[in-house]
Protein backbone atom coordinates (compact mmCIF):
# COMPACT_ATOMS: atom_id res chain seq x y z
CA MET A 1 130.06 87.96 -49.66
CA ARG A 2 131.60 91.60 -50.10
CA LEU A 3 131.47 93.91 -47.39
CA SER A 4 133.56 97.68 -47.49
CA VAL A 5 134.22 100.18 -44.47
CA HIS A 6 135.03 103.57 -45.57
CA PHE A 7 137.13 105.66 -43.28
CA GLU A 8 138.26 109.12 -43.67
CA ALA A 9 140.59 109.70 -46.61
CA PRO A 10 144.21 111.30 -46.13
CA ALA A 11 144.73 114.88 -47.08
CA ASP A 12 146.90 114.59 -49.88
CA GLY A 13 144.35 112.10 -51.34
CA GLY A 14 146.12 109.36 -52.45
CA GLY A 15 149.13 106.93 -52.99
CA SER A 16 149.61 103.18 -53.29
CA GLU A 17 148.26 103.09 -50.16
CA ALA A 18 144.99 104.56 -50.68
CA GLY A 19 143.15 101.37 -51.74
CA PRO A 20 140.96 99.20 -49.74
CA VAL A 21 142.56 96.08 -48.00
CA SER A 22 141.11 92.80 -48.66
CA VAL A 23 140.45 90.77 -45.49
CA GLY A 24 139.22 87.13 -46.11
CA TRP A 25 137.05 84.97 -43.69
CA LEU A 26 136.45 81.35 -44.04
CA LEU A 27 135.08 78.50 -41.66
CA SER A 28 137.94 75.96 -40.69
CA ASP A 29 135.73 73.14 -40.45
CA PRO A 30 132.71 72.99 -43.00
CA ARG A 31 130.95 70.56 -41.22
CA GLY A 32 127.49 72.20 -40.01
CA GLY A 33 129.03 75.34 -41.42
CA VAL A 34 125.49 76.16 -42.31
CA ILE A 35 124.57 77.35 -38.75
CA TYR A 36 127.65 79.85 -38.68
CA ASP A 37 126.50 83.41 -39.98
CA ALA A 38 129.03 85.60 -42.25
CA PRO A 39 130.41 88.67 -40.23
CA ASN A 40 128.35 91.35 -40.47
CA ARG A 41 128.80 95.20 -39.95
CA VAL A 42 127.99 96.58 -36.79
CA ARG A 43 124.99 98.87 -36.85
CA GLY A 44 123.89 100.87 -34.38
CA ALA A 45 120.18 101.56 -33.76
CA GLU A 46 118.35 104.70 -34.40
CA ARG A 47 120.30 105.47 -37.41
CA GLY A 48 117.68 107.89 -38.80
CA SER A 49 117.26 110.22 -36.02
CA PRO A 50 116.91 113.75 -37.35
CA VAL A 51 118.68 115.34 -34.21
CA ALA A 52 121.97 116.49 -34.86
CA LYS A 53 123.67 116.03 -31.58
CA SER A 54 121.90 112.46 -31.60
CA ALA A 55 124.55 109.89 -30.62
CA SER A 56 123.26 107.66 -33.93
CA ARG A 57 124.99 110.73 -35.90
CA CYS A 58 128.23 111.24 -33.87
CA PRO A 59 130.95 111.10 -36.22
CA ALA A 60 133.01 109.49 -33.25
CA VAL A 61 130.26 106.44 -32.54
CA LEU A 62 130.12 106.30 -36.50
CA GLY A 63 133.87 105.92 -36.83
CA LEU A 64 134.03 103.19 -34.28
CA GLU A 65 130.85 101.41 -35.66
CA GLY A 66 132.43 101.41 -39.19
CA ARG A 67 135.58 99.40 -38.25
CA LEU A 68 133.58 96.84 -36.52
CA PHE A 69 131.96 93.50 -37.48
CA GLU A 70 129.99 91.01 -35.48
CA ILE A 71 130.21 87.78 -34.91
CA ARG A 72 126.77 85.96 -33.67
CA CYS A 73 126.45 83.37 -31.85
CA PRO A 74 125.47 79.85 -33.53
CA PHE A 75 123.62 77.81 -30.99
CA ASP A 76 121.61 78.29 -27.96
CA LEU A 77 123.41 77.58 -24.53
CA SER A 78 122.18 77.76 -20.80
CA LEU A 79 125.26 76.06 -18.68
CA ASP A 80 125.29 75.86 -14.86
CA TYR A 81 128.93 75.56 -13.44
CA VAL A 82 130.00 72.60 -11.71
CA ARG A 83 132.44 70.28 -10.60
CA ASP A 84 132.60 66.66 -11.92
CA ASP A 85 133.27 63.43 -10.13
CA PHE A 86 136.81 64.34 -10.37
CA GLY A 87 136.86 67.64 -8.84
CA ARG A 88 137.56 69.16 -12.24
CA PRO A 89 135.76 72.43 -13.61
CA ALA A 90 132.56 71.50 -15.85
CA VAL A 91 129.29 72.66 -17.16
CA ARG A 92 125.80 70.87 -16.84
CA ASP A 93 123.45 71.78 -19.42
CA ARG A 94 120.18 73.27 -17.88
CA LEU A 95 118.01 72.85 -20.88
CA GLY A 96 118.02 68.97 -20.62
CA ALA A 97 116.13 67.06 -22.88
CA ALA A 98 115.10 70.41 -24.58
CA SER A 99 118.75 71.44 -25.29
CA THR A 100 119.42 71.39 -29.30
CA LEU A 101 122.94 70.54 -28.56
CA ARG A 102 124.07 67.00 -27.43
CA PRO A 103 126.23 66.60 -24.28
CA ASP A 104 129.06 65.09 -26.45
CA ARG A 105 128.82 68.38 -28.51
CA ILE A 106 129.09 70.82 -25.71
CA ASP A 107 132.05 68.43 -24.39
CA GLU A 108 133.65 69.38 -27.84
CA LEU A 109 132.96 72.76 -28.20
CA ILE A 110 133.76 73.88 -24.34
CA HIS A 111 137.71 73.81 -23.74
CA TRP A 112 138.66 74.64 -20.04
CA VAL A 113 142.07 76.73 -19.36
CA GLU A 114 143.90 74.72 -16.58
CA GLU A 115 143.15 76.27 -13.29
CA ASP A 116 146.73 77.28 -12.84
CA GLU A 117 146.53 79.66 -15.59
CA TRP A 118 143.02 81.44 -14.44
CA ARG A 119 143.65 85.00 -13.76
CA SER A 120 142.03 84.35 -10.23
CA PRO A 121 141.62 81.00 -8.50
CA GLU A 122 137.93 82.13 -7.90
CA ARG A 123 136.98 82.83 -11.67
CA PRO A 124 136.96 79.56 -13.95
CA THR A 125 138.09 80.60 -17.69
CA LEU A 126 136.49 78.68 -20.46
CA GLN A 127 136.86 78.97 -24.38
CA LEU A 128 134.28 78.12 -26.91
CA ALA A 129 135.75 76.88 -29.99
CA LEU A 130 134.87 78.36 -33.18
CA PRO A 131 135.48 77.76 -36.95
CA TYR A 132 135.78 81.60 -37.85
CA ILE A 133 139.41 82.17 -39.60
CA PHE A 134 140.70 85.55 -41.06
CA VAL A 135 143.29 85.84 -43.61
CA ALA A 136 144.97 88.73 -45.32
CA ASP A 137 147.98 89.19 -47.46
CA GLU A 138 149.24 92.52 -46.11
CA PRO A 139 149.53 93.87 -42.53
CA VAL A 140 146.26 93.51 -41.04
CA TYR A 141 145.96 93.22 -37.23
CA LEU A 142 142.35 92.01 -35.84
CA SER A 143 141.31 92.74 -32.19
CA GLN A 144 138.41 90.72 -30.64
CA LEU A 145 136.34 92.72 -28.45
CA ALA A 146 133.19 92.36 -26.52
CA PRO A 147 129.92 93.33 -28.11
CA MET A 148 129.78 96.84 -26.53
CA PHE A 149 126.90 98.06 -28.70
CA HIS A 150 124.39 95.15 -28.10
CA TYR A 151 122.42 95.54 -24.60
CA ARG A 152 121.52 92.05 -22.65
CA ALA A 153 118.65 92.34 -20.43
CA GLU A 154 120.48 89.62 -18.24
CA PRO A 155 123.99 90.58 -18.26
CA LEU A 156 126.44 87.69 -18.76
CA PRO A 157 127.96 86.65 -15.29
CA GLY A 158 131.42 87.43 -16.08
CA LEU A 159 133.87 88.64 -18.86
CA MET A 160 134.39 87.84 -22.12
CA LEU A 161 138.66 87.90 -22.40
CA GLY A 162 139.58 89.50 -25.86
CA GLY A 163 142.84 89.63 -27.92
CA ARG A 164 144.86 90.95 -30.66
CA PHE A 165 147.16 89.54 -33.22
CA PRO A 166 148.37 90.02 -37.10
CA ILE A 167 145.92 87.82 -39.31
CA HIS A 168 148.47 87.87 -42.33
CA VAL A 169 150.98 86.21 -40.32
CA TRP A 170 148.96 84.04 -37.58
CA PRO A 171 145.63 83.16 -39.23
CA ARG A 172 143.65 80.64 -36.99
CA PRO A 173 140.39 79.75 -35.51
CA LEU A 174 138.80 81.93 -33.07
CA MET A 175 137.74 81.26 -29.46
CA TRP A 176 135.24 83.09 -27.33
CA ALA A 177 137.10 83.15 -24.08
CA PHE A 178 134.82 83.82 -20.74
CA GLU A 179 135.88 84.48 -17.28
CA TRP A 180 133.01 83.33 -15.28
CA HIS A 181 132.93 85.58 -12.07
CA ASP A 182 129.62 84.80 -10.61
CA THR A 183 129.42 80.91 -10.96
CA THR A 184 126.04 80.70 -9.07
CA THR A 185 124.62 82.35 -12.06
CA PRO A 186 124.14 80.36 -15.52
CA LEU A 187 126.02 81.36 -18.34
CA VAL A 188 123.11 81.78 -21.12
CA LEU A 189 123.67 82.62 -24.42
CA HIS A 190 121.36 82.89 -27.63
CA ARG A 191 121.63 81.91 -31.12
CA GLY A 192 121.57 84.99 -33.28
CA GLU A 193 122.71 87.30 -30.58
CA PRO A 194 126.02 88.81 -31.40
CA LEU A 195 128.80 86.97 -29.58
CA PHE A 196 131.98 89.25 -30.21
CA TYR A 197 133.19 91.64 -32.36
CA VAL A 198 136.50 92.13 -34.51
CA GLN A 199 138.30 95.13 -35.49
CA PHE A 200 140.86 95.25 -38.06
CA GLU A 201 143.79 97.72 -38.04
CA THR A 202 145.26 98.78 -41.36
CA THR A 203 148.46 100.50 -42.34
CA PRO A 204 147.89 103.52 -42.80
CA GLN A 205 144.68 103.46 -40.61
CA HIS A 206 142.59 105.49 -43.00
CA ARG A 207 142.51 102.36 -45.45
CA ALA A 208 139.18 100.84 -46.06
CA VAL A 209 138.44 97.14 -45.36
CA GLN A 210 136.67 94.78 -47.61
CA LEU A 211 135.44 91.63 -46.33
CA VAL A 212 135.23 88.95 -48.57
CA GLU A 213 134.65 84.99 -48.21
CA ALA A 214 137.83 83.24 -49.03
CA GLU A 215 138.81 80.26 -50.42
CA ARG A 216 140.54 77.27 -48.66
CA THR A 217 143.34 76.67 -51.10
CA PRO A 218 146.01 74.23 -50.53
CA GLU A 219 148.60 76.87 -49.94
CA LEU A 220 146.56 78.35 -47.02
CA ASP A 221 145.98 74.66 -45.78
CA GLU A 222 149.41 73.94 -45.69
CA TYR A 223 150.16 77.15 -43.58
CA LEU A 224 147.67 76.46 -41.32
CA VAL A 225 149.07 73.27 -40.31
CA MET A 226 152.30 74.90 -40.10
CA ILE A 227 151.21 77.00 -37.36
CA GLU A 228 148.45 74.91 -35.78
CA GLY A 229 148.72 73.83 -32.03
CA ALA A 230 152.10 75.99 -31.72
CA VAL A 231 150.79 77.43 -28.34
CA SER A 232 151.31 73.66 -26.87
CA TYR A 233 154.73 73.69 -27.57
CA VAL A 234 155.83 77.47 -26.96
CA GLY A 235 154.87 79.60 -23.86
CA GLN A 236 154.86 82.86 -26.18
CA THR A 237 153.68 82.13 -29.79
CA PHE A 238 153.85 85.99 -30.52
CA SER A 239 157.76 85.21 -30.60
CA LEU A 240 157.47 82.87 -33.77
CA PHE A 241 155.78 85.45 -35.86
CA LYS A 242 158.99 86.36 -37.74
CA THR A 243 159.63 82.82 -38.51
CA ALA A 244 156.16 82.25 -39.65
CA GLU A 245 156.40 85.42 -41.99
CA SER A 246 159.49 83.90 -43.31
CA ARG A 247 158.04 80.57 -44.36
CA ARG A 248 154.33 82.11 -45.57
CA PRO A 249 153.65 82.06 -49.35
CA ALA A 250 153.40 85.62 -51.20
CA HIS A 251 149.62 84.54 -51.29
CA LEU A 252 147.06 83.31 -48.96
CA LEU A 253 144.16 84.92 -49.52
CA THR A 254 141.95 84.02 -52.62
CA PRO A 255 138.46 85.27 -53.02
CA ARG A 256 135.83 82.38 -53.15
CA ARG A 257 133.73 82.45 -56.13
CA ARG A 258 130.33 80.96 -56.08
């Protein structure tokens, strides 16, 4: 699957950096992979509006939308915040027997941030494990953002915590991090709705981004193993970027052929 995002061309019209940047995506675990949709371009509503001053025709709005891809939620979740018998943060599945997820699977998906690492003691923070990995063979930064163009009739009871990192140096499975502000209100996620956006920064910024499904090659596997779990040993993993870059193979991205 190939998707292209085209930005404005530079005034001088060319150079070796004028071509598109290839960004690959893949799943870290193929089990159950059919439930995880491919990243899709973000498309705002009312694109066909004939009104020149409509937001749907605003160059600034279109320029932002053109840099965003959405990751859709792969399952339905309706969770209450509780404490377990040992006083630790936990969730209770409100759907009960009607839930499409088994209790042990929910436990595998949700990882709690240690309480002393919360930004506020009243705001529990959890991470939803996802298998999406993005990779590139030239400098590309990924920013993970809340889906600001998606309207929810029932707002989330907290904030998604985003982030930014270089996928050419540090490809890793993404997490959806959530800071639960109103713990009296359930966390409800619907399959198929945008869970978050990813935005890619290139050098120079005007370059197009071509998103392709990537092959999980032995070289990529070895590199992923090398950086996996580093956060458990080092407090500031960004300090490892130079070391990781010096050890990476020349090519990590191989487009998948079907």
